[in-house]
Amino acid sequence: MAPRRAAPLRAGDLTARTWTIDVLRCVERLARAEFSPTEVYGAVPDLQARHPHNRNVRPKIRQQLQVLRDAGWLTFLGNGRYRLSRLVATGNLSEREPRAHRLGKP
């Protein structure tokens, strides 16, 4: 059985998975390994357009950063700073296959 924290990345929870993937893409667009949530907030207009029924986009971004941290995609460094996983940042996800499988990826 997959851990509960991986639930947003499972195929059955489309809305949560979409938010998680959208926030991960925003982080990747920053084009640097370390960042703060404030930097991700630059994507609020894009995320509001993609999710027009959500009026709490900034809290949702913070929530999804925590989901990504719990799933191993991000590391929380403290003082409001995160680091993108080395494997995600380099695009070398093959080393993550066992964990990726638990996250609902084939």
N, C-alpha and C. Protein backbone atom coordinates (compact mmCIF):
# COMPACT_ATOMS: atom_id res chain seq x y z
N MET A 1 0.83 -1.17 0.00
CA MET A 1 0.00 0.00 0.00
C MET A 1 0.89 1.25 0.00
N ALA A 2 0.57 2.22 -0.85
CA ALA A 2 1.35 3.45 -0.95
C ALA A 2 1.09 4.34 0.26
N PRO A 3 2.09 5.10 0.68
CA PRO A 3 1.90 5.99 1.83
C PRO A 3 0.84 7.04 1.53
N ARG A 4 0.16 7.48 2.59
CA ARG A 4 -0.89 8.48 2.45
C ARG A 4 -0.35 9.77 1.84
N ARG A 5 0.91 10.13 2.18
CA ARG A 5 1.46 11.38 1.68
C ARG A 5 1.62 11.39 0.16
N ALA A 6 1.60 10.25 -0.46
CA ALA A 6 1.74 10.18 -1.92
C ALA A 6 0.39 10.31 -2.62
N ALA A 7 -0.70 10.38 -1.87
CA ALA A 7 -2.04 10.40 -2.45
C ALA A 7 -2.24 11.45 -3.55
N PRO A 8 -1.71 12.69 -3.41
CA PRO A 8 -1.95 13.67 -4.47
C PRO A 8 -1.33 13.31 -5.82
N LEU A 9 -0.39 12.39 -5.85
CA LEU A 9 0.24 12.02 -7.10
C LEU A 9 -0.35 10.75 -7.71
N ARG A 10 -1.31 10.15 -7.03
CA ARG A 10 -1.97 8.96 -7.57
C ARG A 10 -3.00 9.36 -8.61
N ALA A 11 -3.22 8.51 -9.57
CA ALA A 11 -4.13 8.80 -10.67
C ALA A 11 -5.56 9.06 -10.21
N GLY A 12 -5.99 8.50 -9.10
CA GLY A 12 -7.37 8.63 -8.67
C GLY A 12 -7.76 10.00 -8.15
N ASP A 13 -6.82 10.82 -7.74
CA ASP A 13 -7.12 12.12 -7.15
C ASP A 13 -6.66 13.21 -8.11
N LEU A 14 -7.42 13.41 -9.18
CA LEU A 14 -7.02 14.28 -10.28
C LEU A 14 -6.82 15.73 -9.85
N THR A 15 -7.73 16.29 -9.05
CA THR A 15 -7.61 17.69 -8.66
C THR A 15 -6.36 17.93 -7.84
N ALA A 16 -6.13 17.12 -6.83
CA ALA A 16 -4.94 17.27 -5.99
C ALA A 16 -3.68 17.03 -6.80
N ARG A 17 -3.70 16.03 -7.66
CA ARG A 17 -2.53 15.72 -8.48
C ARG A 17 -2.23 16.87 -9.42
N THR A 18 -3.27 17.47 -10.00
CA THR A 18 -3.08 18.59 -10.92
C THR A 18 -2.42 19.76 -10.20
N TRP A 19 -2.89 20.09 -8.99
CA TRP A 19 -2.28 21.16 -8.23
C TRP A 19 -0.81 20.85 -7.94
N THR A 20 -0.53 19.65 -7.52
CA THR A 20 0.84 19.26 -7.18
C THR A 20 1.75 19.39 -8.41
N ILE A 21 1.31 18.89 -9.52
CA ILE A 21 2.10 18.96 -10.75
C ILE A 21 2.25 20.42 -11.20
N ASP A 22 1.18 21.21 -11.11
CA ASP A 22 1.27 22.61 -11.51
C ASP A 22 2.28 23.37 -10.66
N VAL A 23 2.28 23.14 -9.36
CA VAL A 23 3.24 23.84 -8.49
C VAL A 23 4.65 23.35 -8.77
N LEU A 24 4.84 22.05 -9.00
CA LEU A 24 6.17 21.54 -9.34
C LEU A 24 6.67 22.20 -10.62
N ARG A 25 5.81 22.36 -11.60
CA ARG A 25 6.21 23.02 -12.85
C ARG A 25 6.60 24.47 -12.60
N CYS A 26 5.88 25.16 -11.73
CA CYS A 26 6.23 26.54 -11.38
C CYS A 26 7.61 26.60 -10.73
N VAL A 27 7.89 25.65 -9.87
CA VAL A 27 9.20 25.58 -9.22
C VAL A 27 10.28 25.33 -10.27
N GLU A 28 10.04 24.41 -11.18
CA GLU A 28 11.02 24.10 -12.21
C GLU A 28 11.27 25.31 -13.12
N ARG A 29 10.24 26.12 -13.37
CA ARG A 29 10.40 27.31 -14.20
C ARG A 29 11.29 28.37 -13.56
N LEU A 30 11.49 28.30 -12.25
CA LEU A 30 12.39 29.24 -11.59
C LEU A 30 13.83 29.04 -12.06
N ALA A 31 14.12 27.85 -12.55
CA ALA A 31 15.43 27.50 -13.14
C ALA A 31 16.58 27.64 -12.14
N ARG A 32 16.30 27.34 -10.88
CA ARG A 32 17.37 27.26 -9.88
C ARG A 32 16.97 26.24 -8.83
N ALA A 33 17.95 25.67 -8.18
CA ALA A 33 17.68 24.59 -7.24
C ALA A 33 17.10 25.09 -5.92
N GLU A 34 17.53 26.25 -5.43
CA GLU A 34 17.03 26.76 -4.15
C GLU A 34 16.10 27.95 -4.40
N PHE A 35 15.03 28.02 -3.62
CA PHE A 35 14.03 29.05 -3.82
C PHE A 35 13.21 29.23 -2.55
N SER A 36 12.39 30.27 -2.53
CA SER A 36 11.47 30.51 -1.42
C SER A 36 10.04 30.49 -1.97
N PRO A 37 9.06 30.28 -1.11
CA PRO A 37 7.67 30.33 -1.58
C PRO A 37 7.33 31.67 -2.23
N THR A 38 7.94 32.75 -1.73
CA THR A 38 7.69 34.07 -2.30
C THR A 38 8.02 34.10 -3.79
N GLU A 39 9.07 33.41 -4.18
CA GLU A 39 9.44 33.34 -5.60
C GLU A 39 8.40 32.56 -6.40
N VAL A 40 7.83 31.52 -5.80
CA VAL A 40 6.81 30.73 -6.48
C VAL A 40 5.52 31.53 -6.62
N TYR A 41 5.28 32.47 -5.69
CA TYR A 41 4.08 33.31 -5.76
C TYR A 41 4.02 34.12 -7.05
N GLY A 42 5.13 34.27 -7.73
CA GLY A 42 5.11 34.94 -9.03
C GLY A 42 4.23 34.22 -10.04
N ALA A 43 3.93 32.96 -9.77
CA ALA A 43 3.09 32.17 -10.68
C ALA A 43 1.61 32.24 -10.30
N VAL A 44 1.26 33.06 -9.30
CA VAL A 44 -0.15 33.14 -8.86
C VAL A 44 -1.10 33.45 -10.02
N PRO A 45 -0.82 34.42 -10.88
CA PRO A 45 -1.77 34.69 -11.98
C PRO A 45 -1.99 33.47 -12.88
N ASP A 46 -0.92 32.75 -13.18
CA ASP A 46 -1.04 31.55 -14.01
C ASP A 46 -1.87 30.48 -13.31
N LEU A 47 -1.60 30.27 -12.02
CA LEU A 47 -2.33 29.26 -11.26
C LEU A 47 -3.80 29.66 -11.06
N GLN A 48 -4.07 30.95 -10.89
CA GLN A 48 -5.46 31.41 -10.77
C GLN A 48 -6.21 31.14 -12.07
N ALA A 49 -5.54 31.34 -13.20
CA ALA A 49 -6.18 31.08 -14.49
C ALA A 49 -6.45 29.59 -14.67
N ARG A 50 -5.53 28.75 -14.20
CA ARG A 50 -5.70 27.29 -14.34
C ARG A 50 -6.72 26.73 -13.35
N HIS A 51 -6.88 27.40 -12.21
CA HIS A 51 -7.79 26.93 -11.16
C HIS A 51 -8.70 28.08 -10.72
N PRO A 52 -9.62 28.50 -11.59
CA PRO A 52 -10.43 29.70 -11.31
C PRO A 52 -11.35 29.60 -10.10
N HIS A 53 -11.65 28.42 -9.64
CA HIS A 53 -12.55 28.28 -8.49
C HIS A 53 -11.82 28.35 -7.16
N ASN A 54 -10.51 28.36 -7.19
CA ASN A 54 -9.74 28.44 -5.94
C ASN A 54 -9.37 29.88 -5.66
N ARG A 55 -9.88 30.40 -4.56
CA ARG A 55 -9.62 31.79 -4.19
C ARG A 55 -8.47 31.92 -3.19
N ASN A 56 -7.83 30.83 -2.88
CA ASN A 56 -6.74 30.82 -1.90
C ASN A 56 -5.49 30.21 -2.51
N VAL A 57 -5.00 30.85 -3.56
CA VAL A 57 -3.90 30.28 -4.33
C VAL A 57 -2.59 30.27 -3.53
N ARG A 58 -2.28 31.34 -2.81
CA ARG A 58 -1.03 31.35 -2.04
C ARG A 58 -1.00 30.26 -0.97
N PRO A 59 -2.06 30.11 -0.18
CA PRO A 59 -2.05 29.00 0.78
C PRO A 59 -1.95 27.63 0.09
N LYS A 60 -2.57 27.52 -1.09
CA LYS A 60 -2.50 26.26 -1.84
C LYS A 60 -1.07 25.99 -2.30
N ILE A 61 -0.35 27.03 -2.72
CA ILE A 61 1.04 26.87 -3.11
C ILE A 61 1.85 26.36 -1.92
N ARG A 62 1.66 26.98 -0.75
CA ARG A 62 2.40 26.53 0.45
C ARG A 62 2.07 25.07 0.77
N GLN A 63 0.79 24.72 0.67
CA GLN A 63 0.38 23.34 0.94
C GLN A 63 1.06 22.38 -0.03
N GLN A 64 1.08 22.72 -1.30
CA GLN A 64 1.66 21.82 -2.30
C GLN A 64 3.18 21.74 -2.17
N LEU A 65 3.82 22.80 -1.73
CA LEU A 65 5.26 22.72 -1.46
C LEU A 65 5.51 21.70 -0.34
N GLN A 66 4.64 21.66 0.65
CA GLN A 66 4.77 20.68 1.72
C GLN A 66 4.51 19.27 1.21
N VAL A 67 3.53 19.12 0.33
CA VAL A 67 3.25 17.81 -0.27
C VAL A 67 4.46 17.33 -1.06
N LEU A 68 5.04 18.23 -1.85
CA LEU A 68 6.22 17.88 -2.64
C LEU A 68 7.40 17.55 -1.74
N ARG A 69 7.53 18.27 -0.63
CA ARG A 69 8.59 17.97 0.35
C ARG A 69 8.38 16.57 0.93
N ASP A 70 7.16 16.28 1.35
CA ASP A 70 6.86 14.98 1.96
C ASP A 70 7.08 13.83 0.98
N ALA A 71 6.87 14.09 -0.31
CA ALA A 71 7.05 13.06 -1.33
C ALA A 71 8.51 12.93 -1.79
N GLY A 72 9.38 13.82 -1.30
CA GLY A 72 10.79 13.72 -1.65
C GLY A 72 11.22 14.54 -2.85
N TRP A 73 10.33 15.32 -3.43
CA TRP A 73 10.68 16.14 -4.59
C TRP A 73 11.41 17.42 -4.18
N LEU A 74 11.16 17.88 -2.95
CA LEU A 74 11.79 19.08 -2.42
C LEU A 74 12.38 18.78 -1.06
N THR A 75 13.36 19.58 -0.66
CA THR A 75 13.92 19.52 0.69
C THR A 75 13.70 20.89 1.32
N PHE A 76 13.16 20.90 2.54
CA PHE A 76 13.00 22.16 3.26
C PHE A 76 14.31 22.47 3.96
N LEU A 77 14.87 23.64 3.69
CA LEU A 77 16.18 24.02 4.22
C LEU A 77 16.07 24.84 5.50
N GLY A 78 14.88 25.31 5.82
CA GLY A 78 14.68 26.21 6.96
C GLY A 78 14.63 27.65 6.48
N ASN A 79 14.17 28.53 7.36
CA ASN A 79 14.07 29.96 7.04
C ASN A 79 13.33 30.22 5.73
N GLY A 80 12.30 29.43 5.46
CA GLY A 80 11.48 29.65 4.27
C GLY A 80 12.15 29.30 2.96
N ARG A 81 13.17 28.48 2.98
CA ARG A 81 13.88 28.10 1.76
C ARG A 81 13.68 26.62 1.46
N TYR A 82 13.55 26.31 0.19
CA TYR A 82 13.42 24.93 -0.29
C TYR A 82 14.52 24.66 -1.31
N ARG A 83 14.82 23.38 -1.51
CA ARG A 83 15.74 22.96 -2.56
C ARG A 83 15.04 21.90 -3.39
N LEU A 84 15.09 22.05 -4.69
CA LEU A 84 14.57 21.06 -5.61
C LEU A 84 15.47 19.84 -5.56
N SER A 85 14.91 18.66 -5.54
CA SER A 85 15.70 17.43 -5.53
C SER A 85 16.70 17.43 -6.67
N ARG A 86 17.91 16.99 -6.39
CA ARG A 86 18.96 16.92 -7.41
C ARG A 86 18.48 16.12 -8.62
N LEU A 87 17.78 15.05 -8.37
CA LEU A 87 17.34 14.19 -9.46
C LEU A 87 16.26 14.86 -10.30
N VAL A 88 15.41 15.65 -9.67
CA VAL A 88 14.40 16.39 -10.41
C VAL A 88 15.07 17.51 -11.19
N ALA A 89 15.98 18.22 -10.54
CA ALA A 89 16.65 19.36 -11.17
C ALA A 89 17.46 18.95 -12.39
N THR A 90 18.04 17.76 -12.37
CA THR A 90 18.85 17.31 -13.49
C THR A 90 18.05 16.52 -14.51
N GLY A 91 16.81 16.22 -14.17
CA GLY A 91 15.98 15.42 -15.07
C GLY A 91 16.30 13.94 -15.00
N ASN A 92 17.17 13.52 -14.09
CA ASN A 92 17.59 12.13 -13.98
C ASN A 92 16.70 11.42 -12.96
N LEU A 93 15.48 11.12 -13.36
CA LEU A 93 14.53 10.50 -12.45
C LEU A 93 14.65 8.99 -12.41
N SER A 94 15.47 8.38 -13.27
CA SER A 94 15.55 6.93 -13.31
C SER A 94 16.02 6.35 -11.98
N GLU A 95 16.86 7.09 -11.25
CA GLU A 95 17.33 6.59 -9.96
C GLU A 95 16.22 6.57 -8.92
N ARG A 96 15.11 7.25 -9.19
CA ARG A 96 14.01 7.34 -8.25
C ARG A 96 12.94 6.29 -8.52
N GLU A 97 13.17 5.37 -9.43
CA GLU A 97 12.12 4.45 -9.83
C GLU A 97 11.40 3.77 -8.68
N PRO A 98 12.08 3.23 -7.67
CA PRO A 98 11.32 2.58 -6.61
C PRO A 98 10.36 3.54 -5.92
N ARG A 99 10.81 4.76 -5.59
CA ARG A 99 9.93 5.71 -4.94
C ARG A 99 8.88 6.23 -5.91
N ALA A 100 9.28 6.50 -7.17
CA ALA A 100 8.32 6.98 -8.16
C ALA A 100 7.20 5.96 -8.33
N HIS A 101 7.56 4.67 -8.29
CA HIS A 101 6.53 3.64 -8.42
C HIS A 101 5.52 3.75 -7.28
N ARG A 102 6.00 4.02 -6.06
CA ARG A 102 5.10 4.16 -4.94
C ARG A 102 4.22 5.39 -5.09
N LEU A 103 4.65 6.36 -5.89
CA LEU A 103 3.88 7.58 -6.09
C LEU A 103 2.90 7.44 -7.24
N GLY A 104 2.71 6.24 -7.73
CA GLY A 104 1.70 5.99 -8.73
C GLY A 104 2.20 6.08 -10.17
N LYS A 105 3.52 6.16 -10.35
CA LYS A 105 4.06 6.19 -11.71
C LYS A 105 4.39 4.76 -12.12
N PRO A 106 4.20 4.44 -13.41
CA PRO A 106 4.50 3.07 -13.86
C PRO A 106 5.96 2.73 -13.80
